[in-house]
Amino acid sequence: MATYKKKLPKVNPERIFKYPEGAEINGQKIPDPKLHQYISFLKSGIRIVGYVFLPFSLEIATIILILSEIIGIKEELV
């Protein structure tokens, strides 16, 4: 099996372009990756709690899972 020995060049973090907060391209707002990640983790945690409730209370589990889907919609709008 061949191994790749060539090293990748180092990247200067000061040369990486970052869009300013609230920037738009062609009228579309650029999403905030950190906020998107936070909301995604929150949604996943709520979804896990909903699945834990399934054997105990179908009604509560349903409410929690619907809440996680609502948060998922918000996640896509960030």
PDB file of N, CA and C in Angstrom:
ATOM      1  N   MET A   1       0.842  -1.171   0.000  1.00  0.00           N
ATOM      2  CA  MET A   1       0.000   0.000   0.000  1.00  0.00           C
ATOM      3  C   MET A   1       0.894   1.244   0.000  1.00  0.00           C
ATOM      4  N   ALA A   2       0.638   2.150  -0.922  1.00  0.00           N
ATOM      5  CA  ALA A   2       1.429   3.368  -1.025  1.00  0.00           C
ATOM      6  C   ALA A   2       0.940   4.383   0.003  1.00  0.00           C
ATOM      7  N   THR A   3       1.872   5.112   0.556  1.00  0.00           N
ATOM      8  CA  THR A   3       1.504   6.167   1.504  1.00  0.00           C
ATOM      9  C   THR A   3       1.812   7.516   0.889  1.00  0.00           C
ATOM     10  N   TYR A   4       1.035   8.492   1.264  1.00  0.00           N
ATOM     11  CA  TYR A   4       1.202   9.846   0.756  1.00  0.00           C
ATOM     12  C   TYR A   4       2.145  10.584   1.688  1.00  0.00           C
ATOM     13  N   LYS A   5       3.310  10.973   1.186  1.00  0.00           N
ATOM     14  CA  LYS A   5       4.317  11.586   2.036  1.00  0.00           C
ATOM     15  C   LYS A   5       4.450  13.090   1.850  1.00  0.00           C
ATOM     16  N   LYS A   6       3.833  13.620   0.805  1.00  0.00           N
ATOM     17  CA  LYS A   6       3.952  15.048   0.564  1.00  0.00           C
ATOM     18  C   LYS A   6       3.129  15.808   1.601  1.00  0.00           C
ATOM     19  N   LYS A   7       3.741  16.788   2.235  1.00  0.00           N
ATOM     20  CA  LYS A   7       3.050  17.558   3.265  1.00  0.00           C
ATOM     21  C   LYS A   7       2.281  18.710   2.629  1.00  0.00           C
ATOM     22  N   LEU A   8       1.132  18.996   3.203  1.00  0.00           N
ATOM     23  CA  LEU A   8       0.330  20.117   2.731  1.00  0.00           C
ATOM     24  C   LEU A   8       0.934  21.428   3.209  1.00  0.00           C
ATOM     25  N   PRO A   9       0.824  22.481   2.413  1.00  0.00           N
ATOM     26  CA  PRO A   9       1.385  23.766   2.833  1.00  0.00           C
ATOM     27  C   PRO A   9       0.602  24.348   4.007  1.00  0.00           C
ATOM     28  N   LYS A  10       1.304  25.097   4.836  1.00  0.00           N
ATOM     29  CA  LYS A  10       0.646  25.763   5.964  1.00  0.00           C
ATOM     30  C   LYS A  10      -0.139  26.959   5.442  1.00  0.00           C
ATOM     31  N   VAL A  11      -1.289  27.199   6.065  1.00  0.00           N
ATOM     32  CA  VAL A  11      -2.147  28.310   5.664  1.00  0.00           C
ATOM     33  C   VAL A  11      -2.065  29.399   6.719  1.00  0.00           C
ATOM     34  N   ASN A  12      -1.829  30.612   6.256  1.00  0.00           N
ATOM     35  CA  ASN A  12      -1.793  31.758   7.156  1.00  0.00           C
ATOM     36  C   ASN A  12      -3.229  32.169   7.465  1.00  0.00           C
ATOM     37  N   PRO A  13      -3.671  32.066   8.737  1.00  0.00           N
ATOM     38  CA  PRO A  13      -5.058  32.389   9.072  1.00  0.00           C
ATOM     39  C   PRO A  13      -5.446  33.826   8.740  1.00  0.00           C
ATOM     40  N   GLU A  14      -4.476  34.725   8.675  1.00  0.00           N
ATOM     41  CA  GLU A  14      -4.785  36.117   8.365  1.00  0.00           C
ATOM     42  C   GLU A  14      -5.148  36.303   6.896  1.00  0.00           C
ATOM     43  N   ARG A  15      -4.810  35.328   6.056  1.00  0.00           N
ATOM     44  CA  ARG A  15      -5.094  35.438   4.622  1.00  0.00           C
ATOM     45  C   ARG A  15      -6.413  34.777   4.233  1.00  0.00           C
ATOM     46  N   ILE A  16      -7.088  34.153   5.199  1.00  0.00           N
ATOM     47  CA  ILE A  16      -8.371  33.519   4.925  1.00  0.00           C
ATOM     48  C   ILE A  16      -9.452  34.587   4.956  1.00  0.00           C
ATOM     49  N   PHE A  17     -10.237  34.654   3.888  1.00  0.00           N
ATOM     50  CA  PHE A  17     -11.292  35.660   3.805  1.00  0.00           C
ATOM     51  C   PHE A  17     -12.476  35.232   4.657  1.00  0.00           C
ATOM     52  N   LYS A  18     -12.990  36.157   5.453  1.00  0.00           N
ATOM     53  CA  LYS A  18     -14.187  35.905   6.252  1.00  0.00           C
ATOM     54  C   LYS A  18     -15.193  36.993   5.933  1.00  0.00           C
ATOM     55  N   TYR A  19     -16.414  36.559   5.676  1.00  0.00           N
ATOM     56  CA  TYR A  19     -17.469  37.529   5.409  1.00  0.00           C
ATOM     57  C   TYR A  19     -17.855  38.232   6.703  1.00  0.00           C
ATOM     58  N   PRO A  20     -18.129  39.536   6.629  1.00  0.00           N
ATOM     59  CA  PRO A  20     -18.591  40.243   7.831  1.00  0.00           C
ATOM     60  C   PRO A  20     -19.979  39.745   8.225  1.00  0.00           C
ATOM     61  N   GLU A  21     -20.299  39.895   9.493  1.00  0.00           N
ATOM     62  CA  GLU A  21     -21.600  39.444   9.997  1.00  0.00           C
ATOM     63  C   GLU A  21     -22.722  40.180   9.274  1.00  0.00           C
ATOM     64  N   GLY A  22     -23.722  39.436   8.851  1.00  0.00           N
ATOM     65  CA  GLY A  22     -24.862  40.014   8.145  1.00  0.00           C
ATOM     66  C   GLY A  22     -24.620  40.237   6.661  1.00  0.00           C
ATOM     67  N   ALA A  23     -23.508  39.706   6.136  1.00  0.00           N
ATOM     68  CA  ALA A  23     -23.201  39.893   4.717  1.00  0.00           C
ATOM     69  C   ALA A  23     -24.183  39.116   3.842  1.00  0.00           C
ATOM     70  N   GLU A  24     -24.380  39.592   2.634  1.00  0.00           N
ATOM     71  CA  GLU A  24     -25.283  38.947   1.686  1.00  0.00           C
ATOM     72  C   GLU A  24     -24.583  38.757   0.349  1.00  0.00           C
ATOM     73  N   ILE A  25     -24.944  37.669  -0.333  1.00  0.00           N
ATOM     74  CA  ILE A  25     -24.479  37.429  -1.695  1.00  0.00           C
ATOM     75  C   ILE A  25     -25.727  37.227  -2.544  1.00  0.00           C
ATOM     76  N   ASN A  26     -25.872  38.046  -3.578  1.00  0.00           N
ATOM     77  CA  ASN A  26     -27.052  37.991  -4.451  1.00  0.00           C
ATOM     78  C   ASN A  26     -28.355  38.027  -3.658  1.00  0.00           C
ATOM     79  N   GLY A  27     -28.393  38.827  -2.613  1.00  0.00           N
ATOM     80  CA  GLY A  27     -29.606  38.976  -1.808  1.00  0.00           C
ATOM     81  C   GLY A  27     -29.823  37.878  -0.788  1.00  0.00           C
ATOM     82  N   GLN A  28     -28.917  36.888  -0.714  1.00  0.00           N
ATOM     83  CA  GLN A  28     -29.045  35.791   0.246  1.00  0.00           C
ATOM     84  C   GLN A  28     -28.113  36.031   1.425  1.00  0.00           C
ATOM     85  N   LYS A  29     -28.659  35.951   2.634  1.00  0.00           N
ATOM     86  CA  LYS A  29     -27.850  36.117   3.839  1.00  0.00           C
ATOM     87  C   LYS A  29     -26.916  34.921   3.996  1.00  0.00           C
ATOM     88  N   ILE A  30     -25.664  35.178   4.329  1.00  0.00           N
ATOM     89  CA  ILE A  30     -24.687  34.111   4.546  1.00  0.00           C
ATOM     90  C   ILE A  30     -24.926  33.546   5.949  1.00  0.00           C
ATOM     91  N   PRO A  31     -25.102  32.219   6.070  1.00  0.00           N
ATOM     92  CA  PRO A  31     -25.386  31.632   7.381  1.00  0.00           C
ATOM     93  C   PRO A  31     -24.198  31.713   8.336  1.00  0.00           C
ATOM     94  N   ASP A  32     -24.524  31.799   9.617  1.00  0.00           N
ATOM     95  CA  ASP A  32     -23.508  31.807  10.667  1.00  0.00           C
ATOM     96  C   ASP A  32     -23.224  30.354  11.053  1.00  0.00           C
ATOM     97  N   PRO A  33     -22.049  29.819  10.717  1.00  0.00           N
ATOM     98  CA  PRO A  33     -21.797  28.389  10.963  1.00  0.00           C
ATOM     99  C   PRO A  33     -21.811  28.009  12.443  1.00  0.00           C
ATOM    100  N   LYS A  34     -21.338  28.882  13.313  1.00  0.00           N
ATOM    101  CA  LYS A  34     -21.321  28.562  14.745  1.00  0.00           C
ATOM    102  C   LYS A  34     -22.741  28.479  15.306  1.00  0.00           C
ATOM    103  N   LEU A  35     -23.595  29.431  14.926  1.00  0.00           N
ATOM    104  CA  LEU A  35     -24.974  29.414  15.395  1.00  0.00           C
ATOM    105  C   LEU A  35     -25.711  28.202  14.830  1.00  0.00           C
ATOM    106  N   HIS A  36     -25.454  27.891  13.568  1.00  0.00           N
ATOM    107  CA  HIS A  36     -26.073  26.726  12.940  1.00  0.00           C
ATOM    108  C   HIS A  36     -25.674  25.449  13.682  1.00  0.00           C
ATOM    109  N   GLN A  37     -24.394  25.326  14.049  1.00  0.00           N
ATOM    110  CA  GLN A  37     -23.914  24.153  14.776  1.00  0.00           C
ATOM    111  C   GLN A  37     -24.564  24.074  16.155  1.00  0.00           C
ATOM    112  N   TYR A  38     -24.648  25.203  16.853  1.00  0.00           N
ATOM    113  CA  TYR A  38     -25.261  25.222  18.187  1.00  0.00           C
ATOM    114  C   TYR A  38     -26.719  24.760  18.122  1.00  0.00           C
ATOM    115  N   ILE A  39     -27.473  25.303  17.172  1.00  0.00           N
ATOM    116  CA  ILE A  39     -28.878  24.940  17.036  1.00  0.00           C
ATOM    117  C   ILE A  39     -29.003  23.467  16.640  1.00  0.00           C
ATOM    118  N   SER A  40     -28.102  22.970  15.814  1.00  0.00           N
ATOM    119  CA  SER A  40     -28.121  21.572  15.406  1.00  0.00           C
ATOM    120  C   SER A  40     -27.899  20.652  16.603  1.00  0.00           C
ATOM    121  N   PHE A  41     -26.945  20.989  17.462  1.00  0.00           N
ATOM    122  CA  PHE A  41     -26.699  20.179  18.662  1.00  0.00           C
ATOM    123  C   PHE A  41     -27.900  20.228  19.603  1.00  0.00           C
ATOM    124  N   LEU A  42     -28.499  21.401  19.759  1.00  0.00           N
ATOM    125  CA  LEU A  42     -29.687  21.549  20.600  1.00  0.00           C
ATOM    126  C   LEU A  42     -30.820  20.677  20.068  1.00  0.00           C
ATOM    127  N   LYS A  43     -31.051  20.735  18.764  1.00  0.00           N
ATOM    128  CA  LYS A  43     -32.100  19.930  18.131  1.00  0.00           C
ATOM    129  C   LYS A  43     -31.842  18.442  18.354  1.00  0.00           C
ATOM    130  N   SER A  44     -30.604  18.008  18.192  1.00  0.00           N
ATOM    131  CA  SER A  44     -30.272  16.594  18.378  1.00  0.00           C
ATOM    132  C   SER A  44     -30.499  16.157  19.814  1.00  0.00           C
ATOM    133  N   GLY A  45     -30.131  17.000  20.761  1.00  0.00           N
ATOM    134  CA  GLY A  45     -30.355  16.681  22.174  1.00  0.00           C
ATOM    135  C   GLY A  45     -31.833  16.552  22.495  1.00  0.00           C
ATOM    136  N   ILE A  46     -32.631  17.481  21.976  1.00  0.00           N
ATOM    137  CA  ILE A  46     -34.074  17.426  22.204  1.00  0.00           C
ATOM    138  C   ILE A  46     -34.659  16.181  21.544  1.00  0.00           C
ATOM    139  N   ARG A  47     -34.179  15.842  20.362  1.00  0.00           N
ATOM    140  CA  ARG A  47     -34.665  14.648  19.664  1.00  0.00           C
ATOM    141  C   ARG A  47     -34.346  13.376  20.461  1.00  0.00           C
ATOM    142  N   ILE A  48     -33.151  13.301  21.041  1.00  0.00           N
ATOM    143  CA  ILE A  48     -32.783  12.143  21.858  1.00  0.00           C
ATOM    144  C   ILE A  48     -33.713  12.026  23.058  1.00  0.00           C
ATOM    145  N   VAL A  49     -33.990  13.154  23.709  1.00  0.00           N
ATOM    146  CA  VAL A  49     -34.922  13.148  24.844  1.00  0.00           C
ATOM    147  C   VAL A  49     -36.291  12.649  24.395  1.00  0.00           C
ATOM    148  N   GLY A  50     -36.735  13.079  23.221  1.00  0.00           N
ATOM    149  CA  GLY A  50     -38.021  12.629  22.697  1.00  0.00           C
ATOM    150  C   GLY A  50     -38.061  11.129  22.494  1.00  0.00           C
ATOM    151  N   TYR A  51     -36.993  10.558  21.961  1.00  0.00           N
ATOM    152  CA  TYR A  51     -36.953   9.113  21.760  1.00  0.00           C
ATOM    153  C   TYR A  51     -36.885   8.355  23.081  1.00  0.00           C
ATOM    154  N   VAL A  52     -36.240   8.942  24.088  1.00  0.00           N
ATOM    155  CA  VAL A  52     -36.195   8.306  25.401  1.00  0.00           C
ATOM    156  C   VAL A  52     -37.603   8.216  25.984  1.00  0.00           C
ATOM    157  N   PHE A  53     -38.441   9.205  25.727  1.00  0.00           N
ATOM    158  CA  PHE A  53     -39.804   9.219  26.267  1.00  0.00           C
ATOM    159  C   PHE A  53     -40.748   8.252  25.550  1.00  0.00           C
ATOM    160  N   LEU A  54     -40.386   7.735  24.390  1.00  0.00           N
ATOM    161  CA  LEU A  54     -41.286   6.856  23.632  1.00  0.00           C
ATOM    162  C   LEU A  54     -41.862   5.686  24.438  1.00  0.00           C
ATOM    163  N   PRO A  55     -41.048   4.937  25.186  1.00  0.00           N
ATOM    164  CA  PRO A  55     -41.638   3.803  25.908  1.00  0.00           C
ATOM    165  C   PRO A  55     -42.521   4.209  27.093  1.00  0.00           C
ATOM    166  N   PHE A  56     -42.390   5.453  27.549  1.00  0.00           N
ATOM    167  CA  PHE A  56     -43.106   5.890  28.749  1.00  0.00           C
ATOM    168  C   PHE A  56     -44.385   6.654  28.444  1.00  0.00           C
ATOM    169  N   SER A  57     -44.311   7.564  27.483  1.00  0.00           N
ATOM    170  CA  SER A  57     -45.479   8.383  27.158  1.00  0.00           C
ATOM    171  C   SER A  57     -45.404   8.797  25.686  1.00  0.00           C
ATOM    172  N   LEU A  58     -46.284   8.216  24.901  1.00  0.00           N
ATOM    173  CA  LEU A  58     -46.300   8.519  23.473  1.00  0.00           C
ATOM    174  C   LEU A  58     -46.662   9.987  23.230  1.00  0.00           C
ATOM    175  N   GLU A  59     -47.559  10.540  24.050  1.00  0.00           N
ATOM    176  CA  GLU A  59     -47.985  11.935  23.869  1.00  0.00           C
ATOM    177  C   GLU A  59     -46.828  12.904  24.125  1.00  0.00           C
ATOM    178  N   ILE A  60     -46.114  12.712  25.239  1.00  0.00           N
ATOM    179  CA  ILE A  60     -44.994  13.606  25.567  1.00  0.00           C
ATOM    180  C   ILE A  60     -43.884  13.448  24.523  1.00  0.00           C
ATOM    181  N   ALA A  61     -43.593  12.209  24.125  1.00  0.00           N
ATOM    182  CA  ALA A  61     -42.561  11.977  23.111  1.00  0.00           C
ATOM    183  C   ALA A  61     -42.915  12.686  21.810  1.00  0.00           C
ATOM    184  N   THR A  62     -44.192  12.620  21.430  1.00  0.00           N
ATOM    185  CA  THR A  62     -44.631  13.274  20.196  1.00  0.00           C
ATOM    186  C   THR A  62     -44.440  14.779  20.279  1.00  0.00           C
ATOM    187  N   ILE A  63     -44.812  15.368  21.400  1.00  0.00           N
ATOM    188  CA  ILE A  63     -44.655  16.817  21.582  1.00  0.00           C
ATOM    189  C   ILE A  63     -43.178  17.210  21.500  1.00  0.00           C
ATOM    190  N   ILE A  64     -42.323  16.446  22.157  1.00  0.00           N
ATOM    191  CA  ILE A  64     -40.886  16.750  22.151  1.00  0.00           C
ATOM    192  C   ILE A  64     -40.310  16.609  20.743  1.00  0.00           C
ATOM    193  N   LEU A  65     -40.708  15.558  20.024  1.00  0.00           N
ATOM    194  CA  LEU A  65     -40.181  15.362  18.668  1.00  0.00           C
ATOM    195  C   LEU A  65     -40.692  16.432  17.706  1.00  0.00           C
ATOM    196  N   ILE A  66     -41.929  16.879  17.880  1.00  0.00           N
ATOM    197  CA  ILE A  66     -42.436  17.989  17.058  1.00  0.00           C
ATOM    198  C   ILE A  66     -41.653  19.256  17.365  1.00  0.00           C
ATOM    199  N   LEU A  67     -41.347  19.480  18.646  1.00  0.00           N
ATOM    200  CA  LEU A  67     -40.536  20.640  19.026  1.00  0.00           C
ATOM    201  C   LEU A  67     -39.165  20.584  18.360  1.00  0.00           C
ATOM    202  N   SER A  68     -38.560  19.398  18.317  1.00  0.00           N
ATOM    203  CA  SER A  68     -37.236  19.287  17.680  1.00  0.00           C
ATOM    204  C   SER A  68     -37.326  19.584  16.182  1.00  0.00           C
ATOM    205  N   GLU A  69     -38.440  19.224  15.549  1.00  0.00           N
ATOM    206  CA  GLU A  69     -38.611  19.534  14.124  1.00  0.00           C
ATOM    207  C   GLU A  69     -38.787  21.039  13.909  1.00  0.00           C
ATOM    208  N   ILE A  70     -39.480  21.700  14.810  1.00  0.00           N
ATOM    209  CA  ILE A  70     -39.638  23.159  14.719  1.00  0.00           C
ATOM    210  C   ILE A  70     -38.268  23.824  14.856  1.00  0.00           C
ATOM    211  N   ILE A  71     -37.457  23.328  15.781  1.00  0.00           N
ATOM    212  CA  ILE A  71     -36.101  23.860  15.938  1.00  0.00           C
ATOM    213  C   ILE A  71     -35.280  23.563  14.683  1.00  0.00           C
ATOM    214  N   GLY A  72     -35.510  22.408  14.043  1.00  0.00           N
ATOM    215  CA  GLY A  72     -34.822  22.083  12.791  1.00  0.00           C
ATOM    216  C   GLY A  72     -35.139  23.060  11.688  1.00  0.00           C
ATOM    217  N   ILE A  73     -36.399  23.515  11.641  1.00  0.00           N
ATOM    218  CA  ILE A  73     -36.775  24.526  10.643  1.00  0.00           C
ATOM    219  C   ILE A  73     -36.031  25.830  10.934  1.00  0.00           C
ATOM    220  N   LYS A  74     -35.971  26.222  12.192  1.00  0.00           N
ATOM    221  CA  LYS A  74     -35.227  27.429  12.591  1.00  0.00           C
ATOM    222  C   LYS A  74     -33.751  27.282  12.233  1.00  0.00           C
ATOM    223  N   GLU A  75     -33.219  26.073  12.422  1.00  0.00           N
ATOM    224  CA  GLU A  75     -31.811  25.802  12.109  1.00  0.00           C
ATOM    225  C   GLU A  75     -31.517  26.097  10.638  1.00  0.00           C
ATOM    226  N   GLU A  76     -32.428  25.712   9.771  1.00  0.00           N
ATOM    227  CA  GLU A  76     -32.216  25.944   8.339  1.00  0.00           C
ATOM    228  C   GLU A  76     -32.364  27.411   7.947  1.00  0.00           C
ATOM    229  N   LEU A  77     -32.987  28.203   8.780  1.00  0.00           N
ATOM    230  CA  LEU A  77     -33.183  29.626   8.480  1.00  0.00           C
ATOM    231  C   LEU A  77     -32.061  30.493   9.034  1.00  0.00           C
ATOM    232  N   VAL A  78     -31.143  29.908   9.786  1.00  0.00           N
ATOM    233  CA  VAL A  78     -30.039  30.681  10.387  1.00  0.00           C
ATOM    234  C   VAL A  78     -29.025  31.032   9.318  1.00  0.00           C
TER     235      VAL A  78
END
